[in-house]
Each structure stands twice: as C-alpha cells, then as structure tokens.
PDB file of N, CA and C in Angstrom:
ATOM      1  N   MET A   1      23.164 -43.673  -0.384  1.00  0.00           N
ATOM      2  CA  MET A   1      23.435 -45.018  -0.829  1.00  0.00           C
ATOM      3  C   MET A   1      22.145 -45.639  -1.332  1.00  0.00           C
ATOM      4  N   LYS A   2      22.183 -46.161  -2.492  1.00  0.00           N
ATOM      5  CA  LYS A   2      21.007 -46.774  -3.087  1.00  0.00           C
ATOM      6  C   LYS A   2      21.122 -48.287  -2.928  1.00  0.00           C
ATOM      7  N   SER A   3      20.050 -48.903  -2.466  1.00  0.00           N
ATOM      8  CA  SER A   3      20.024 -50.346  -2.268  1.00  0.00           C
ATOM      9  C   SER A   3      18.860 -50.932  -3.036  1.00  0.00           C
ATOM     10  N   SER A   4      18.946 -52.205  -3.287  1.00  0.00           N
ATOM     11  CA  SER A   4      17.818 -52.887  -3.916  1.00  0.00           C
ATOM     12  C   SER A   4      17.559 -54.182  -3.163  1.00  0.00           C
ATOM     13  N   ILE A   5      16.292 -54.538  -3.102  1.00  0.00           N
ATOM     14  CA  ILE A   5      15.886 -55.785  -2.459  1.00  0.00           C
ATOM     15  C   ILE A   5      14.846 -56.465  -3.329  1.00  0.00           C
ATOM     16  N   GLU A   6      14.750 -57.759  -3.173  1.00  0.00           N
ATOM     17  CA  GLU A   6      13.717 -58.498  -3.889  1.00  0.00           C
ATOM     18  C   GLU A   6      12.520 -58.667  -2.967  1.00  0.00           C
ATOM     19  N   LEU A   7      11.340 -58.368  -3.489  1.00  0.00           N
ATOM     20  CA  LEU A   7      10.102 -58.480  -2.730  1.00  0.00           C
ATOM     21  C   LEU A   7       9.193 -59.492  -3.397  1.00  0.00           C
ATOM     22  N   SER A   8       8.331 -60.090  -2.595  1.00  0.00           N
ATOM     23  CA  SER A   8       7.332 -60.978  -3.175  1.00  0.00           C
ATOM     24  C   SER A   8       6.397 -60.151  -4.049  1.00  0.00           C
ATOM     25  N   ASP A   9       5.748 -60.801  -4.983  1.00  0.00           N
ATOM     26  CA  ASP A   9       4.810 -60.088  -5.861  1.00  0.00           C
ATOM     27  C   ASP A   9       3.700 -59.425  -5.053  1.00  0.00           C
ATOM     28  N   ASP A  10       3.206 -60.120  -4.013  1.00  0.00           N
ATOM     29  CA  ASP A  10       2.126 -59.566  -3.189  1.00  0.00           C
ATOM     30  C   ASP A  10       2.586 -58.309  -2.464  1.00  0.00           C
ATOM     31  N   LEU A  11       3.768 -58.362  -1.870  1.00  0.00           N
ATOM     32  CA  LEU A  11       4.277 -57.209  -1.136  1.00  0.00           C
ATOM     33  C   LEU A  11       4.542 -56.035  -2.068  1.00  0.00           C
ATOM     34  N   ALA A  12       5.106 -56.300  -3.220  1.00  0.00           N
ATOM     35  CA  ALA A  12       5.360 -55.243  -4.201  1.00  0.00           C
ATOM     36  C   ALA A  12       4.048 -54.614  -4.663  1.00  0.00           C
ATOM     37  N   ARG A  13       3.020 -55.436  -4.868  1.00  0.00           N
ATOM     38  CA  ARG A  13       1.707 -54.923  -5.287  1.00  0.00           C
ATOM     39  C   ARG A  13       1.112 -54.039  -4.207  1.00  0.00           C
ATOM     40  N   ARG A  14       1.212 -54.463  -2.945  1.00  0.00           N
ATOM     41  CA  ARG A  14       0.672 -53.666  -1.838  1.00  0.00           C
ATOM     42  C   ARG A  14       1.394 -52.332  -1.718  1.00  0.00           C
ATOM     43  N   ILE A  15       2.695 -52.335  -1.893  1.00  0.00           N
ATOM     44  CA  ILE A  15       3.457 -51.087  -1.830  1.00  0.00           C
ATOM     45  C   ILE A  15       3.055 -50.174  -2.973  1.00  0.00           C
ATOM     46  N   ASP A  16       2.897 -50.732  -4.158  1.00  0.00           N
ATOM     47  CA  ASP A  16       2.475 -49.925  -5.309  1.00  0.00           C
ATOM     48  C   ASP A  16       1.097 -49.314  -5.092  1.00  0.00           C
ATOM     49  N   LEU A  17       0.158 -50.085  -4.555  1.00  0.00           N
ATOM     50  CA  LEU A  17      -1.192 -49.562  -4.289  1.00  0.00           C
ATOM     51  C   LEU A  17      -1.149 -48.455  -3.243  1.00  0.00           C
ATOM     52  N   LEU A  18      -0.346 -48.662  -2.202  1.00  0.00           N
ATOM     53  CA  LEU A  18      -0.233 -47.648  -1.162  1.00  0.00           C
ATOM     54  C   LEU A  18       0.414 -46.385  -1.719  1.00  0.00           C
ATOM     55  N   ALA A  19       1.391 -46.549  -2.578  1.00  0.00           N
ATOM     56  CA  ALA A  19       2.038 -45.390  -3.197  1.00  0.00           C
ATOM     57  C   ALA A  19       1.027 -44.586  -4.014  1.00  0.00           C
ATOM     58  N   GLU A  20       0.164 -45.264  -4.732  1.00  0.00           N
ATOM     59  CA  GLU A  20      -0.864 -44.570  -5.508  1.00  0.00           C
ATOM     60  C   GLU A  20      -1.826 -43.810  -4.604  1.00  0.00           C
ATOM     61  N   ARG A  21      -2.231 -44.436  -3.499  1.00  0.00           N
ATOM     62  CA  ARG A  21      -3.210 -43.805  -2.597  1.00  0.00           C
ATOM     63  C   ARG A  21      -2.633 -42.631  -1.842  1.00  0.00           C
ATOM     64  N   THR A  22      -1.340 -42.687  -1.516  1.00  0.00           N
ATOM     65  CA  THR A  22      -0.748 -41.674  -0.648  1.00  0.00           C
ATOM     66  C   THR A  22       0.109 -40.658  -1.382  1.00  0.00           C
ATOM     67  N   ARG A  23       0.384 -40.919  -2.642  1.00  0.00           N
ATOM     68  CA  ARG A  23       1.269 -40.071  -3.443  1.00  0.00           C
ATOM     69  C   ARG A  23       2.685 -40.053  -2.887  1.00  0.00           C
ATOM     70  N   LEU A  24       3.060 -41.110  -2.180  1.00  0.00           N
ATOM     71  CA  LEU A  24       4.432 -41.286  -1.732  1.00  0.00           C
ATOM     72  C   LEU A  24       5.134 -42.208  -2.716  1.00  0.00           C
ATOM     73  N   THR A  25       6.448 -42.175  -2.703  1.00  0.00           N
ATOM     74  CA  THR A  25       7.189 -43.100  -3.546  1.00  0.00           C
ATOM     75  C   THR A  25       7.314 -44.442  -2.831  1.00  0.00           C
ATOM     76  N   ARG A  26       7.634 -45.454  -3.597  1.00  0.00           N
ATOM     77  CA  ARG A  26       7.863 -46.778  -3.003  1.00  0.00           C
ATOM     78  C   ARG A  26       8.970 -46.686  -1.950  1.00  0.00           C
ATOM     79  N   SER A  27      10.013 -45.934  -2.263  1.00  0.00           N
ATOM     80  CA  SER A  27      11.139 -45.785  -1.340  1.00  0.00           C
ATOM     81  C   SER A  27      10.712 -45.115  -0.040  1.00  0.00           C
ATOM     82  N   GLN A  28       9.861 -44.107  -0.128  1.00  0.00           N
ATOM     83  CA  GLN A  28       9.390 -43.427   1.082  1.00  0.00           C
ATOM     84  C   GLN A  28       8.596 -44.375   1.966  1.00  0.00           C
ATOM     85  N   ILE A  29       7.789 -45.220   1.359  1.00  0.00           N
ATOM     86  CA  ILE A  29       6.980 -46.170   2.122  1.00  0.00           C
ATOM     87  C   ILE A  29       7.867 -47.181   2.838  1.00  0.00           C
ATOM     88  N   VAL A  30       8.825 -47.723   2.123  1.00  0.00           N
ATOM     89  CA  VAL A  30       9.733 -48.713   2.721  1.00  0.00           C
ATOM     90  C   VAL A  30      10.600 -48.061   3.787  1.00  0.00           C
ATOM     91  N   GLU A  31      11.106 -46.853   3.513  1.00  0.00           N
ATOM     92  CA  GLU A  31      11.925 -46.162   4.503  1.00  0.00           C
ATOM     93  C   GLU A  31      11.133 -45.854   5.765  1.00  0.00           C
ATOM     94  N   ASP A  32       9.868 -45.446   5.623  1.00  0.00           N
ATOM     95  CA  ASP A  32       9.024 -45.179   6.781  1.00  0.00           C
ATOM     96  C   ASP A  32       8.850 -46.450   7.612  1.00  0.00           C
ATOM     97  N   ALA A  33       8.643 -47.551   6.940  1.00  0.00           N
ATOM     98  CA  ALA A  33       8.476 -48.824   7.647  1.00  0.00           C
ATOM     99  C   ALA A  33       9.743 -49.193   8.410  1.00  0.00           C
ATOM    100  N   LEU A  34      10.883 -49.031   7.790  1.00  0.00           N
ATOM    101  CA  LEU A  34      12.139 -49.424   8.413  1.00  0.00           C
ATOM    102  C   LEU A  34      12.618 -48.424   9.463  1.00  0.00           C
ATOM    103  N   SER A  35      12.455 -47.142   9.199  1.00  0.00           N
ATOM    104  CA  SER A  35      12.965 -46.116  10.113  1.00  0.00           C
ATOM    105  C   SER A  35      12.065 -45.875  11.317  1.00  0.00           C
ATOM    106  N   HIS A  36      10.758 -45.991  11.113  1.00  0.00           N
ATOM    107  CA  HIS A  36       9.820 -45.624  12.170  1.00  0.00           C
ATOM    108  C   HIS A  36       8.987 -46.795  12.674  1.00  0.00           C
ATOM    109  N   GLY A  37       9.236 -47.981  12.178  1.00  0.00           N
ATOM    110  CA  GLY A  37       8.514 -49.165  12.644  1.00  0.00           C
ATOM    111  C   GLY A  37       7.060 -49.197  12.223  1.00  0.00           C
ATOM    112  N   ARG A  38       6.733 -48.466  11.173  1.00  0.00           N
ATOM    113  CA  ARG A  38       5.347 -48.441  10.692  1.00  0.00           C
ATOM    114  C   ARG A  38       5.196 -49.506   9.613  1.00  0.00           C
ATOM    115  N   SER A  39       4.646 -50.624  10.016  1.00  0.00           N
ATOM    116  CA  SER A  39       4.501 -51.736   9.082  1.00  0.00           C
ATOM    117  C   SER A  39       3.649 -51.338   7.887  1.00  0.00           C
ATOM    118  N   LEU A  40       3.757 -52.125   6.854  1.00  0.00           N
ATOM    119  CA  LEU A  40       2.940 -51.875   5.668  1.00  0.00           C
ATOM    120  C   LEU A  40       1.462 -51.953   6.030  1.00  0.00           C
ATOM    121  N   ALA A  41       1.096 -52.914   6.870  1.00  0.00           N
ATOM    122  CA  ALA A  41      -0.298 -53.044   7.303  1.00  0.00           C
ATOM    123  C   ALA A  41      -0.745 -51.784   8.043  1.00  0.00           C
ATOM    124  N   TRP A  42       0.120 -51.231   8.909  1.00  0.00           N
ATOM    125  CA  TRP A  42      -0.216 -50.004   9.640  1.00  0.00           C
ATOM    126  C   TRP A  42      -0.404 -48.856   8.655  1.00  0.00           C
ATOM    127  N   GLN A  43       0.510 -48.724   7.699  1.00  0.00           N
ATOM    128  CA  GLN A  43       0.420 -47.647   6.717  1.00  0.00           C
ATOM    129  C   GLN A  43      -0.841 -47.775   5.858  1.00  0.00           C
ATOM    130  N   GLU A  44      -1.205 -48.996   5.493  1.00  0.00           N
ATOM    131  CA  GLU A  44      -2.429 -49.214   4.707  1.00  0.00           C
ATOM    132  C   GLU A  44      -3.659 -48.806   5.512  1.00  0.00           C
ATOM    133  N   LYS A  45      -3.679 -49.181   6.796  1.00  0.00           N
ATOM    134  CA  LYS A  45      -4.816 -48.836   7.657  1.00  0.00           C
ATOM    135  C   LYS A  45      -4.892 -47.321   7.850  1.00  0.00           C
ATOM    136  N   TRP A  46      -3.755 -46.674   8.054  1.00  0.00           N
ATOM    137  CA  TRP A  46      -3.725 -45.230   8.227  1.00  0.00           C
ATOM    138  C   TRP A  46      -4.248 -44.527   6.977  1.00  0.00           C
ATOM    139  N   ALA A  47      -3.765 -44.949   5.803  1.00  0.00           N
ATOM    140  CA  ALA A  47      -4.201 -44.335   4.546  1.00  0.00           C
ATOM    141  C   ALA A  47      -5.699 -44.535   4.331  1.00  0.00           C
ATOM    142  N   ALA A  48      -6.204 -45.713   4.667  1.00  0.00           N
ATOM    143  CA  ALA A  48      -7.642 -45.978   4.526  1.00  0.00           C
ATOM    144  C   ALA A  48      -8.441 -45.065   5.458  1.00  0.00           C
ATOM    145  N   GLY A  49      -7.958 -44.837   6.666  1.00  0.00           N
ATOM    146  CA  GLY A  49      -8.641 -43.952   7.611  1.00  0.00           C
ATOM    147  C   GLY A  49      -8.661 -42.516   7.131  1.00  0.00           C
ATOM    148  N   VAL A  50      -7.544 -42.055   6.601  1.00  0.00           N
ATOM    149  CA  VAL A  50      -7.484 -40.699   6.058  1.00  0.00           C
ATOM    150  C   VAL A  50      -8.442 -40.572   4.879  1.00  0.00           C
ATOM    151  N   HIS A  51      -8.426 -41.554   3.996  1.00  0.00           N
ATOM    152  CA  HIS A  51      -9.316 -41.525   2.834  1.00  0.00           C
ATOM    153  C   HIS A  51     -10.784 -41.496   3.280  1.00  0.00           C
ATOM    154  N   ALA A  52     -11.131 -42.311   4.272  1.00  0.00           N
ATOM    155  CA  ALA A  52     -12.507 -42.334   4.777  1.00  0.00           C
ATOM    156  C   ALA A  52     -12.880 -40.984   5.390  1.00  0.00           C
ATOM    157  N   GLY A  53     -11.949 -40.368   6.112  1.00  0.00           N
ATOM    158  CA  GLY A  53     -12.213 -39.062   6.703  1.00  0.00           C
ATOM    159  C   GLY A  53     -12.440 -37.992   5.653  1.00  0.00           C
ATOM    160  N   ILE A  54     -11.661 -38.041   4.594  1.00  0.00           N
ATOM    161  CA  ILE A  54     -11.830 -37.077   3.505  1.00  0.00           C
ATOM    162  C   ILE A  54     -13.181 -37.279   2.828  1.00  0.00           C
ATOM    163  N   GLN A  55     -13.561 -38.544   2.621  1.00  0.00           N
ATOM    164  CA  GLN A  55     -14.875 -38.806   2.012  1.00  0.00           C
ATOM    165  C   GLN A  55     -15.999 -38.302   2.912  1.00  0.00           C
ATOM    166  N   ASP A  56     -15.876 -38.516   4.226  1.00  0.00           N
ATOM    167  CA  ASP A  56     -16.883 -37.996   5.155  1.00  0.00           C
ATOM    168  C   ASP A  56     -16.983 -36.481   5.048  1.00  0.00           C
ATOM    169  N   ALA A  57     -15.837 -35.812   5.025  1.00  0.00           N
ATOM    170  CA  ALA A  57     -15.839 -34.352   4.920  1.00  0.00           C
ATOM    171  C   ALA A  57     -16.462 -33.905   3.601  1.00  0.00           C
ATOM    172  N   ASP A  58     -16.108 -34.602   2.524  1.00  0.00           N
ATOM    173  CA  ASP A  58     -16.697 -34.260   1.226  1.00  0.00           C
ATOM    174  C   ASP A  58     -18.206 -34.442   1.224  1.00  0.00           C
ATOM    175  N   ASN A  59     -18.701 -35.378   2.028  1.00  0.00           N
ATOM    176  CA  ASN A  59     -20.142 -35.628   2.127  1.00  0.00           C
ATOM    177  C   ASN A  59     -20.816 -34.738   3.164  1.00  0.00           C
ATOM    178  N   GLY A  60     -20.036 -33.849   3.785  1.00  0.00           N
ATOM    179  CA  GLY A  60     -20.599 -32.926   4.771  1.00  0.00           C
ATOM    180  C   GLY A  60     -20.775 -33.518   6.155  1.00  0.00           C
ATOM    181  N   ASN A  61     -20.152 -34.655   6.409  1.00  0.00           N
ATOM    182  CA  ASN A  61     -20.268 -35.313   7.717  1.00  0.00           C
ATOM    183  C   ASN A  61     -19.170 -34.806   8.647  1.00  0.00           C
ATOM    184  N   PHE A  62     -19.528 -33.870   9.507  1.00  0.00           N
ATOM    185  CA  PHE A  62     -18.591 -33.305  10.467  1.00  0.00           C
ATOM    186  C   PHE A  62     -19.135 -33.544  11.876  1.00  0.00           C
ATOM    187  N   ALA A  63     -18.230 -33.534  12.843  1.00  0.00           N
ATOM    188  CA  ALA A  63     -18.651 -33.658  14.235  1.00  0.00           C
ATOM    189  C   ALA A  63     -19.415 -32.396  14.638  1.00  0.00           C
ATOM    190  N   SER A  64     -20.469 -32.605  15.405  1.00  0.00           N
ATOM    191  CA  SER A  64     -21.229 -31.451  15.905  1.00  0.00           C
ATOM    192  C   SER A  64     -20.474 -30.827  17.083  1.00  0.00           C
ATOM    193  N   GLU A  65     -20.889 -29.622  17.447  1.00  0.00           N
ATOM    194  CA  GLU A  65     -20.263 -28.969  18.600  1.00  0.00           C
ATOM    195  C   GLU A  65     -20.454 -29.801  19.864  1.00  0.00           C
ATOM    196  N   ALA A  66     -21.611 -30.444  19.989  1.00  0.00           N
ATOM    197  CA  ALA A  66     -21.883 -31.280  21.161  1.00  0.00           C
ATOM    198  C   ALA A  66     -20.964 -32.507  21.175  1.00  0.00           C
ATOM    199  N   GLU A  67     -20.720 -33.110  20.010  1.00  0.00           N
ATOM    200  CA  GLU A  67     -19.820 -34.272  19.938  1.00  0.00           C
ATOM    201  C   GLU A  67     -18.385 -33.881  20.273  1.00  0.00           C
ATOM    202  N   ILE A  68     -17.958 -32.739  19.804  1.00  0.00           N
ATOM    203  CA  ILE A  68     -16.608 -32.261  20.114  1.00  0.00           C
ATOM    204  C   ILE A  68     -16.479 -31.983  21.601  1.00  0.00           C
ATOM    205  N   ALA A  69     -17.491 -31.323  22.171  1.00  0.00           N
ATOM    206  CA  ALA A  69     -17.470 -31.029  23.608  1.00  0.00           C
ATOM    207  C   ALA A  69     -17.429 -32.309  24.424  1.00  0.00           C
ATOM    208  N   ALA A  70     -18.162 -33.339  24.002  1.00  0.00           N
ATOM    209  CA  ALA A  70     -18.172 -34.611  24.727  1.00  0.00           C
ATOM    210  C   ALA A  70     -16.784 -35.241  24.738  1.00  0.00           C
ATOM    211  N   VAL A  71     -16.087 -35.183  23.616  1.00  0.00           N
ATOM    212  CA  VAL A  71     -14.734 -35.748  23.558  1.00  0.00           C
ATOM    213  C   VAL A  71     -13.780 -34.937  24.427  1.00  0.00           C
ATOM    214  N   LEU A  72     -13.850 -33.629  24.337  1.00  0.00           N
ATOM    215  CA  LEU A  72     -12.985 -32.775  25.166  1.00  0.00           C
ATOM    216  C   LEU A  72     -13.250 -33.005  26.647  1.00  0.00           C
ATOM    217  N   ASN A  73     -14.503 -33.139  27.031  1.00  0.00           N
ATOM    218  CA  ASN A  73     -14.841 -33.389  28.434  1.00  0.00           C
ATOM    219  C   ASN A  73     -14.383 -34.762  28.878  1.00  0.00           C
ATOM    220  N   LYS A  74     -14.451 -35.729  27.997  1.00  0.00           N
ATOM    221  CA  LYS A  74     -14.040 -37.093  28.325  1.00  0.00           C
ATOM    222  C   LYS A  74     -12.545 -37.171  28.586  1.00  0.00           C
ATOM    223  N   PHE A  75     -11.753 -36.502  27.766  1.00  0.00           N
ATOM    224  CA  PHE A  75     -10.306 -36.594  27.869  1.00  0.00           C
ATOM    225  C   PHE A  75      -9.662 -35.371  28.504  1.00  0.00           C
ATOM    226  N   GLY A  76     -10.457 -34.410  28.871  1.00  0.00           N
ATOM    227  CA  GLY A  76      -9.937 -33.198  29.500  1.00  0.00           C
ATOM    228  C   GLY A  76      -9.582 -32.154  28.480  1.00  0.00           C
ATOM    229  N   ALA A  77      -9.876 -30.921  28.796  1.00  0.00           N
ATOM    230  CA  ALA A  77      -9.583 -29.805  27.886  1.00  0.00           C
ATOM    231  C   ALA A  77      -8.086 -29.632  27.770  1.00  0.00           C
ATOM    232  N   ALA A  78      -7.639 -29.269  26.595  1.00  0.00           N
ATOM    233  CA  ALA A  78      -6.201 -29.093  26.349  1.00  0.00           C
ATOM    234  C   ALA A  78      -5.710 -27.789  26.929  1.00  0.00           C
TER     235      ALA A  78
END
C-alpha cells in the first residue's frame, strides 16, 4: 500500500540530506522511523557517527591493541 503525507519543508530537507548521506530512499528512512522508533534526529546522529568513523579509518586512525584491551577488560571479555 502506497501512502503519501505532507511534510514541512525543513523535515523534507532533512530527510533528503539523510537519504543522500546514507544511500537510503526517503521511504526507507521514514519507515525506519515509524517501524523501529528511530527518530530522524537519531538517524542523523547515527549517520554522522558512521561518516566520522569512516573518515578516521581513511586517515589511519585506528584503536591500538592496548586501547582495545582496555575496553575489553572494562566490560569483560566476550
């Protein structure tokens, strides 16, 4: 079933920007928000975090073995 809704210009712009960053469709973004309770703000923050992580990796910024061990020790080995 295909539905249509009217969105404010700001909300439509934010969805379009998020779609560009994530390569998801507008419908996928809205469906994720409605089906899984992931607000647009949450999705924007998640996409920004992923993008920042990719940039760090591209710049060669990885966790050291000591940093990984510290996290595993802090939260317990899996």
